[in-house]
């Protein structure tokens, strides 16, 4: 009788994480192309290459899948947004880094952009989910950059940093929506410079 190959706990966890990401990747594609309400767990499973029942080992239902998609996206925004900020850069340079990184990151995955900009906003339930996730932490990164600029005299001092961060996010959010609706072959990142020029002009003291 052949011995079973030993699989370490770390390897099992890695395989589990890989399968979870495959399910989330499949969900993004299905929801973007068929709509949230037109997507079934069975279709997600088929695209991910797993059995229907396997989905429920990872997620309670379709709502939980969408929640996980959003959480994963925000994790990436926060991690890469923070990494994009030059440690010794000026406030305008730091803000420019976050703006460029945001549009570059969203622009890499058109399907995810559709999910975040369109499908997530079909109900108050999902809009509430969006606001309760790590979005606040991401806004905190922007607010910190704005506050740094105010203290350095680079940005106007008469605006609340968090309110300003929300306005900046709103500009980026609408830029992504316009890119989706344009349905052209342009790169979202190519829109960063005019958007950045507008934001910096608005913040100028």
C-alpha atoms as a PDB file:
ATOM      1  CA  UNK A   1       0.000   0.000   0.000  1.00  0.00           C
ATOM      2  CA  UNK A   2       1.511   3.271  -1.096  1.00  0.00           C
ATOM      3  CA  UNK A   3       2.029   5.890   1.535  1.00  0.00           C
ATOM      4  CA  UNK A   4       0.148   9.145   1.227  1.00  0.00           C
ATOM      5  CA  UNK A   5       2.449  12.073   0.545  1.00  0.00           C
ATOM      6  CA  UNK A   6       2.877  14.302   3.571  1.00  0.00           C
ATOM      7  CA  UNK A   7       1.209  17.683   3.126  1.00  0.00           C
ATOM      8  CA  UNK A   8       2.248  20.285   5.653  1.00  0.00           C
ATOM      9  CA  UNK A   9      -0.250  22.565   7.323  1.00  0.00           C
ATOM     10  CA  UNK A  10       1.284  25.501   5.482  1.00  0.00           C
ATOM     11  CA  UNK A  11       0.839  23.803   2.111  1.00  0.00           C
ATOM     12  CA  UNK A  12      -2.791  22.967   2.887  1.00  0.00           C
ATOM     13  CA  UNK A  13      -3.430  26.559   3.902  1.00  0.00           C
ATOM     14  CA  UNK A  14      -1.796  27.812   0.708  1.00  0.00           C
ATOM     15  CA  UNK A  15      -4.004  25.515  -1.396  1.00  0.00           C
ATOM     16  CA  UNK A  16      -7.065  26.686   0.511  1.00  0.00           C
ATOM     17  CA  UNK A  17      -6.146  30.346  -0.032  1.00  0.00           C
ATOM     18  CA  UNK A  18      -5.546  29.662  -3.728  1.00  0.00           C
ATOM     19  CA  UNK A  19      -8.985  28.089  -4.115  1.00  0.00           C
ATOM     20  CA  UNK A  20     -10.608  30.962  -2.240  1.00  0.00           C
ATOM     21  CA  UNK A  21      -8.971  33.482  -4.565  1.00  0.00           C
ATOM     22  CA  UNK A  22     -10.083  31.460  -7.599  1.00  0.00           C
ATOM     23  CA  UNK A  23     -13.665  31.630  -6.341  1.00  0.00           C
ATOM     24  CA  UNK A  24     -13.436  35.380  -5.789  1.00  0.00           C
ATOM     25  CA  UNK A  25     -11.829  35.926  -9.207  1.00  0.00           C
ATOM     26  CA  UNK A  26     -14.614  33.899 -10.815  1.00  0.00           C
ATOM     27  CA  UNK A  27     -17.250  35.865  -8.906  1.00  0.00           C
ATOM     28  CA  UNK A  28     -15.836  39.164 -10.145  1.00  0.00           C
ATOM     29  CA  UNK A  29     -16.065  38.042 -13.773  1.00  0.00           C
ATOM     30  CA  UNK A  30     -19.567  36.574 -13.447  1.00  0.00           C
ATOM     31  CA  UNK A  31     -20.999  39.551 -11.558  1.00  0.00           C
ATOM     32  CA  UNK A  32     -19.411  42.067 -13.929  1.00  0.00           C
ATOM     33  CA  UNK A  33     -20.788  40.318 -17.013  1.00  0.00           C
ATOM     34  CA  UNK A  34     -24.152  38.988 -15.787  1.00  0.00           C
ATOM     35  CA  UNK A  35     -24.974  41.374 -12.962  1.00  0.00           C
ATOM     36  CA  UNK A  36     -25.179  40.491  -9.292  1.00  0.00           C
ATOM     37  CA  UNK A  37     -28.770  39.320  -9.440  1.00  0.00           C
ATOM     38  CA  UNK A  38     -28.150  37.398 -12.653  1.00  0.00           C
ATOM     39  CA  UNK A  39     -25.218  35.509 -11.176  1.00  0.00           C
ATOM     40  CA  UNK A  40     -25.697  32.211  -9.377  1.00  0.00           C
ATOM     41  CA  UNK A  41     -23.388  30.328  -7.061  1.00  0.00           C
ATOM     42  CA  UNK A  42     -23.419  27.493  -9.597  1.00  0.00           C
ATOM     43  CA  UNK A  43     -22.047  29.780 -12.321  1.00  0.00           C
ATOM     44  CA  UNK A  44     -19.343  31.066 -10.008  1.00  0.00           C
ATOM     45  CA  UNK A  45     -18.387  27.493  -9.108  1.00  0.00           C
ATOM     46  CA  UNK A  46     -18.268  26.435 -12.751  1.00  0.00           C
ATOM     47  CA  UNK A  47     -15.993  29.331 -13.714  1.00  0.00           C
ATOM     48  CA  UNK A  48     -13.763  28.681 -10.688  1.00  0.00           C
ATOM     49  CA  UNK A  49     -13.525  24.990 -11.572  1.00  0.00           C
ATOM     50  CA  UNK A  50     -14.937  23.746  -8.272  1.00  0.00           C
ATOM     51  CA  UNK A  51     -18.055  21.863  -7.195  1.00  0.00           C
ATOM     52  CA  UNK A  52     -21.069  23.917  -6.137  1.00  0.00           C
ATOM     53  CA  UNK A  53     -20.814  22.596  -2.597  1.00  0.00           C
ATOM     54  CA  UNK A  54     -17.192  23.700  -2.339  1.00  0.00           C
ATOM     55  CA  UNK A  55     -18.301  27.328  -2.469  1.00  0.00           C
ATOM     56  CA  UNK A  56     -20.151  26.884   0.815  1.00  0.00           C
ATOM     57  CA  UNK A  57     -17.012  25.652   2.535  1.00  0.00           C
ATOM     58  CA  UNK A  58     -15.671  29.173   2.074  1.00  0.00           C
ATOM     59  CA  UNK A  59     -18.717  31.444   1.928  1.00  0.00           C
ATOM     60  CA  UNK A  60     -22.162  31.302   3.509  1.00  0.00           C
ATOM     61  CA  UNK A  61     -23.959  32.723   0.476  1.00  0.00           C
ATOM     62  CA  UNK A  62     -23.601  35.016  -2.534  1.00  0.00           C
ATOM     63  CA  UNK A  63     -23.745  38.133  -0.356  1.00  0.00           C
ATOM     64  CA  UNK A  64     -20.747  36.837   1.584  1.00  0.00           C
ATOM     65  CA  UNK A  65     -18.854  36.365  -1.681  1.00  0.00           C
ATOM     66  CA  UNK A  66     -19.495  39.976  -2.680  1.00  0.00           C
ATOM     67  CA  UNK A  67     -18.397  41.119   0.776  1.00  0.00           C
ATOM     68  CA  UNK A  68     -15.153  39.173   0.396  1.00  0.00           C
ATOM     69  CA  UNK A  69     -14.581  40.642  -3.083  1.00  0.00           C
ATOM     70  CA  UNK A  70     -14.907  44.132  -1.636  1.00  0.00           C
ATOM     71  CA  UNK A  71     -12.699  43.408   1.366  1.00  0.00           C
ATOM     72  CA  UNK A  72      -9.968  41.984  -0.847  1.00  0.00           C
ATOM     73  CA  UNK A  73     -10.107  45.000  -3.155  1.00  0.00           C
ATOM     74  CA  UNK A  74      -9.889  47.436  -0.239  1.00  0.00           C
ATOM     75  CA  UNK A  75      -6.970  45.493   1.240  1.00  0.00           C
ATOM     76  CA  UNK A  76      -5.104  46.023  -2.018  1.00  0.00           C
ATOM     77  CA  UNK A  77      -6.014  49.717  -2.183  1.00  0.00           C
ATOM     78  CA  UNK A  78      -4.809  50.309   1.370  1.00  0.00           C
ATOM     79  CA  UNK A  79      -1.606  48.302   1.064  1.00  0.00           C
ATOM     80  CA  UNK A  80      -0.547  49.632  -2.321  1.00  0.00           C
ATOM     81  CA  UNK A  81      -1.768  53.152  -1.600  1.00  0.00           C
ATOM     82  CA  UNK A  82       0.398  53.326   1.519  1.00  0.00           C
ATOM     83  CA  UNK A  83       3.358  51.807  -0.326  1.00  0.00           C
ATOM     84  CA  UNK A  84       3.021  54.377  -3.111  1.00  0.00           C
ATOM     85  CA  UNK A  85       3.563  57.342  -0.791  1.00  0.00           C
ATOM     86  CA  UNK A  86       7.206  58.462  -0.930  1.00  0.00           C
ATOM     87  CA  UNK A  87       8.506  58.549   2.636  1.00  0.00           C
ATOM     88  CA  UNK A  88      10.342  61.839   2.190  1.00  0.00           C
ATOM     89  CA  UNK A  89       8.230  63.372  -0.564  1.00  0.00           C
ATOM     90  CA  UNK A  90       6.381  66.665  -0.409  1.00  0.00           C
ATOM     91  CA  UNK A  91       2.646  66.620   0.253  1.00  0.00           C
ATOM     92  CA  UNK A  92       1.751  67.203  -3.425  1.00  0.00           C
ATOM     93  CA  UNK A  93       4.134  64.386  -4.402  1.00  0.00           C
ATOM     94  CA  UNK A  94       2.545  62.065  -1.847  1.00  0.00           C
ATOM     95  CA  UNK A  95      -0.956  62.882  -3.026  1.00  0.00           C
ATOM     96  CA  UNK A  96       0.108  62.411  -6.644  1.00  0.00           C
ATOM     97  CA  UNK A  97       1.476  58.976  -5.775  1.00  0.00           C
ATOM     98  CA  UNK A  98      -1.827  57.880  -4.211  1.00  0.00           C
ATOM     99  CA  UNK A  99      -3.934  59.235  -7.092  1.00  0.00           C
ATOM    100  CA  UNK A 100      -1.789  57.552  -9.740  1.00  0.00           C
ATOM    101  CA  UNK A 101      -1.693  54.293  -7.811  1.00  0.00           C
ATOM    102  CA  UNK A 102      -5.481  54.305  -7.335  1.00  0.00           C
ATOM    103  CA  UNK A 103      -6.240  54.706 -11.034  1.00  0.00           C
ATOM    104  CA  UNK A 104      -3.481  52.296 -12.051  1.00  0.00           C
ATOM    105  CA  UNK A 105      -4.774  49.618  -9.683  1.00  0.00           C
ATOM    106  CA  UNK A 106      -8.440  49.934 -10.655  1.00  0.00           C
ATOM    107  CA  UNK A 107      -7.554  50.114 -14.332  1.00  0.00           C
ATOM    108  CA  UNK A 108      -5.814  46.729 -14.245  1.00  0.00           C
ATOM    109  CA  UNK A 109      -9.118  44.885 -13.793  1.00  0.00           C
ATOM    110  CA  UNK A 110     -12.063  46.210 -15.788  1.00  0.00           C
ATOM    111  CA  UNK A 111     -14.395  43.547 -14.403  1.00  0.00           C
ATOM    112  CA  UNK A 112     -13.581  44.505 -10.819  1.00  0.00           C
ATOM    113  CA  UNK A 113     -14.132  48.159 -11.675  1.00  0.00           C
ATOM    114  CA  UNK A 114     -17.609  47.300 -12.971  1.00  0.00           C
ATOM    115  CA  UNK A 115     -18.414  45.387  -9.788  1.00  0.00           C
ATOM    116  CA  UNK A 116     -17.264  48.244  -7.552  1.00  0.00           C
ATOM    117  CA  UNK A 117     -18.766  51.085  -9.572  1.00  0.00           C
ATOM    118  CA  UNK A 118     -22.004  49.550 -10.835  1.00  0.00           C
ATOM    119  CA  UNK A 119     -23.077  46.279  -9.268  1.00  0.00           C
ATOM    120  CA  UNK A 120     -22.203  47.197  -5.696  1.00  0.00           C
ATOM    121  CA  UNK A 121     -24.507  50.213  -5.872  1.00  0.00           C
ATOM    122  CA  UNK A 122     -27.738  48.496  -6.804  1.00  0.00           C
ATOM    123  CA  UNK A 123     -29.024  48.440  -3.246  1.00  0.00           C
ATOM    124  CA  UNK A 124     -28.729  50.364  -0.003  1.00  0.00           C
ATOM    125  CA  UNK A 125     -27.548  47.142   1.636  1.00  0.00           C
ATOM    126  CA  UNK A 126     -24.468  46.933  -0.546  1.00  0.00           C
ATOM    127  CA  UNK A 127     -23.831  50.675  -0.411  1.00  0.00           C
ATOM    128  CA  UNK A 128     -23.852  50.395   3.377  1.00  0.00           C
ATOM    129  CA  UNK A 129     -21.451  47.488   3.102  1.00  0.00           C
ATOM    130  CA  UNK A 130     -19.139  49.628   0.973  1.00  0.00           C
ATOM    131  CA  UNK A 131     -19.052  52.413   3.569  1.00  0.00           C
ATOM    132  CA  UNK A 132     -18.525  50.046   6.506  1.00  0.00           C
ATOM    133  CA  UNK A 133     -15.548  48.232   5.046  1.00  0.00           C
ATOM    134  CA  UNK A 134     -11.932  49.332   5.104  1.00  0.00           C
ATOM    135  CA  UNK A 135     -12.875  52.269   2.892  1.00  0.00           C
ATOM    136  CA  UNK A 136     -12.586  54.431   6.006  1.00  0.00           C
ATOM    137  CA  UNK A 137      -9.037  53.249   6.487  1.00  0.00           C
ATOM    138  CA  UNK A 138      -8.246  54.149   2.883  1.00  0.00           C
ATOM    139  CA  UNK A 139      -9.793  57.581   3.366  1.00  0.00           C
ATOM    140  CA  UNK A 140      -7.563  57.896   6.423  1.00  0.00           C
ATOM    141  CA  UNK A 141      -4.494  57.561   4.195  1.00  0.00           C
ATOM    142  CA  UNK A 142      -5.735  60.410   2.009  1.00  0.00           C
ATOM    143  CA  UNK A 143      -6.649  62.506   5.057  1.00  0.00           C
ATOM    144  CA  UNK A 144      -3.170  62.028   6.509  1.00  0.00           C
ATOM    145  CA  UNK A 145      -1.593  63.256   3.273  1.00  0.00           C
ATOM    146  CA  UNK A 146      -3.911  66.281   3.230  1.00  0.00           C
ATOM    147  CA  UNK A 147      -3.122  67.075   6.866  1.00  0.00           C
ATOM    148  CA  UNK A 148       0.600  66.835   6.156  1.00  0.00           C
ATOM    149  CA  UNK A 149       0.174  69.292   3.291  1.00  0.00           C
ATOM    150  CA  UNK A 150      -1.762  71.718   5.460  1.00  0.00           C
ATOM    151  CA  UNK A 151       0.901  71.677   8.173  1.00  0.00           C
ATOM    152  CA  UNK A 152       3.586  72.245   5.547  1.00  0.00           C
ATOM    153  CA  UNK A 153       1.666  75.141   4.015  1.00  0.00           C
ATOM    154  CA  UNK A 154       1.279  73.320   0.688  1.00  0.00           C
ATOM    155  CA  UNK A 155      -2.508  72.885   0.938  1.00  0.00           C
ATOM    156  CA  UNK A 156      -5.219  75.277   2.045  1.00  0.00           C
ATOM    157  CA  UNK A 157      -5.783  75.124   5.778  1.00  0.00           C
ATOM    158  CA  UNK A 158      -9.504  75.940   5.899  1.00  0.00           C
ATOM    159  CA  UNK A 159     -10.759  72.443   5.031  1.00  0.00           C
ATOM    160  CA  UNK A 160     -11.187  69.405   7.245  1.00  0.00           C
ATOM    161  CA  UNK A 161      -8.697  66.700   6.139  1.00  0.00           C
ATOM    162  CA  UNK A 162     -11.234  63.847   6.251  1.00  0.00           C
ATOM    163  CA  UNK A 163     -13.880  65.836   4.369  1.00  0.00           C
ATOM    164  CA  UNK A 164     -11.234  66.720   1.795  1.00  0.00           C
ATOM    165  CA  UNK A 165     -10.224  63.062   1.538  1.00  0.00           C
ATOM    166  CA  UNK A 166     -13.838  62.135   0.789  1.00  0.00           C
ATOM    167  CA  UNK A 167     -13.998  64.782  -1.942  1.00  0.00           C
ATOM    168  CA  UNK A 168     -10.770  63.485  -3.490  1.00  0.00           C
ATOM    169  CA  UNK A 169     -12.104  59.945  -3.392  1.00  0.00           C
ATOM    170  CA  UNK A 170     -15.312  61.186  -5.023  1.00  0.00           C
ATOM    171  CA  UNK A 171     -13.330  62.675  -7.906  1.00  0.00           C
ATOM    172  CA  UNK A 172     -11.428  59.412  -8.382  1.00  0.00           C
ATOM    173  CA  UNK A 173     -14.645  57.424  -8.088  1.00  0.00           C
ATOM    174  CA  UNK A 174     -16.349  59.444 -10.820  1.00  0.00           C
ATOM    175  CA  UNK A 175     -13.259  59.213 -13.014  1.00  0.00           C
ATOM    176  CA  UNK A 176     -13.481  55.423 -12.862  1.00  0.00           C
ATOM    177  CA  UNK A 177     -17.216  55.482 -13.641  1.00  0.00           C
ATOM    178  CA  UNK A 178     -16.643  57.739 -16.661  1.00  0.00           C
ATOM    179  CA  UNK A 179     -13.935  55.364 -17.896  1.00  0.00           C
ATOM    180  CA  UNK A 180     -16.277  52.377 -17.626  1.00  0.00           C
ATOM    181  CA  UNK A 181     -19.126  54.136 -19.422  1.00  0.00           C
ATOM    182  CA  UNK A 182     -16.834  55.414 -22.178  1.00  0.00           C
ATOM    183  CA  UNK A 183     -16.199  51.789 -23.196  1.00  0.00           C
ATOM    184  CA  UNK A 184     -13.054  52.675 -25.116  1.00  0.00           C
ATOM    185  CA  UNK A 185      -9.595  51.194 -25.159  1.00  0.00           C
ATOM    186  CA  UNK A 186      -7.896  53.963 -23.205  1.00  0.00           C
ATOM    187  CA  UNK A 187      -6.014  53.152 -20.023  1.00  0.00           C
ATOM    188  CA  UNK A 188      -7.570  54.503 -16.863  1.00  0.00           C
ATOM    189  CA  UNK A 189      -4.114  55.497 -15.630  1.00  0.00           C
ATOM    190  CA  UNK A 190      -3.829  57.918 -18.570  1.00  0.00           C
ATOM    191  CA  UNK A 191      -6.483  60.083 -16.890  1.00  0.00           C
ATOM    192  CA  UNK A 192      -4.415  60.588 -13.753  1.00  0.00           C
ATOM    193  CA  UNK A 193      -2.599  63.796 -14.689  1.00  0.00           C
ATOM    194  CA  UNK A 194      -5.614  66.028 -15.509  1.00  0.00           C
ATOM    195  CA  UNK A 195      -7.428  64.675 -12.446  1.00  0.00           C
ATOM    196  CA  UNK A 196      -4.392  65.350 -10.295  1.00  0.00           C
ATOM    197  CA  UNK A 197      -4.007  68.876 -11.699  1.00  0.00           C
ATOM    198  CA  UNK A 198      -7.634  69.620 -10.784  1.00  0.00           C
ATOM    199  CA  UNK A 199      -7.246  68.282  -7.234  1.00  0.00           C
ATOM    200  CA  UNK A 200      -3.987  70.129  -6.569  1.00  0.00           C
ATOM    201  CA  UNK A 201      -5.437  73.386  -7.912  1.00  0.00           C
ATOM    202  CA  UNK A 202      -8.408  73.026  -5.557  1.00  0.00           C
ATOM    203  CA  UNK A 203      -6.088  72.445  -2.590  1.00  0.00           C
ATOM    204  CA  UNK A 204      -3.698  75.285  -3.362  1.00  0.00           C
ATOM    205  CA  UNK A 205      -3.561  77.823  -0.492  1.00  0.00           C
END
